[in-house]
Structures are given as C-alpha cells and as structure tokens.
C-alpha cells in the first residue's frame, strides 16, 4: 500500500470527505500523522479542496493545473524536519489572502507545525480566527503539542501510523476523565464520532458487548444529528463518567 492509499484508507480521510460532501469545510485543518506523510497528505487534501467539482482528480480547469505535486493555489511551507519561521509565516498570510488563480480556494499547508516556535504559532492565531473566505490552512504535525488556542480553532484529524498507533480507550478515574474533557471539550461532532468508533472497537475486543451497545446507541444519535454536539458530549460524560443508567435517560430520544 502506497502513502496515498494509506491516507485514503484512514478514518480521518473518510471523516473529511463526509464533511466535505455535506458542505462543511473548516478554514483550518490540523492533521496529525507521521512526518514523512506530511507533504503527500497536504497534496491529497489540497486536491480535494482545489477541485472545482469537489472530486479531487478530474478534468476541471483547476485539476488540469496540477504539475506533479504543484498547483498555483497550493502554498507549502516548512519540511519534514523544520517548521517555517515567523517571517515566512507573515509572507504566507499575505500570499493566502490573494485571489485564487485557478480554483475557488487557496490552500496553505504548514509542515512540521509541531516544531513551530511559540511566536510563530501565536502569529497564526489571527489568521485562524479571521481567515480569508477563500482560504484553507492545513497544519501537519507529528507530536501532539500544538498550542491549545491554535488547536481549538482547527478541525483536528489523526492518521495513525504502524509504529505509533494511538488507541483511544474509555478514560478511567476522575483524573483520566478530567484530562479527556480538557482535550476534547472543543471537538466537533465528527471527532466525537471517531472517538466513539474507537471506544466501540475497544469494548468489542474485550467482549464487553453491553457497553459497546450503549456506545453504539450514542454514535447513532450523533450520526443522525438529532442532538447537538454539546448534547452528545454531555451524554458521553453522563453515561460513562457519572455512571447514569443509559436506558433511563435515552429511551425517549429514539
């Protein structure tokens, strides 16, 4: 399996495509994956974003402008070992604000975003808070250390790799739940659904089918969009942190 196929087979890519098809396109994507996938990941997501038909690889005027891995509306900064400095990011802010050349958008990808200095990270805050309408910023990072204010303004996706698979398990104990709530209080609905998917797999693996079924019920409610993101987040905490009886509360929701 080549890198492109590996990325396309990830839950993160599926989640992104589902949101894209629903017209939900965040102005800032933060994608955590292995550093040697950063460049190809940036290009693959950019192909989808820059295609005038939303396919990512057809014969539209924008797609015809791809030459190898380069496109006039794709801006890439940094590399697998070094993040761009603050002066380069200031130039990027000017470049990404320009009118697209061939697409409806301009995409700026920052490689090794986990290596950004604090001043460089802070310089991105205004851009991620008030981005140009036609822009999408992609932050590629390996170590999970983006500054919280930058992370909270991004749609965060995780593409695990074989030698660093991050398995998500249901938190245990008060401290475990406090840490989980702190990390995921700003997660959007698609991220919560991904977390529930992982927890269900974990419960099925140890044959805890009762809890897996409760998790699946919440996941289906989240997928149905009958409840808001905040309500789904509260349900997770009520049923699995506080120990409320699921059927006593959820019965009427169906």
Foldseek 3Di string as FASTA:
>chain_A
DDLVVLVCPFLLVVLQLVCVVVVNDAQEAEEAEQLVSQLVVLQQVVLQLFDQVSPSADPAQQNVQDDPSDGQQEAEADGSPGWDAQVVVVVVLVVQLDCDDGGQAHEYETGQLVRYDPVSLVVCLVCLVDPRPRHHYYYYHHDPDRPVSSVLSHQYHYRYDDVGDDQAEQFDDPVRVVVVCVVCVSHALSVVLVNLVRHLVVCVVVPVVVVSVLSVVLSVCSVVPLDHRVVSVVLCCCCRVVNDDRCVPCVVVD
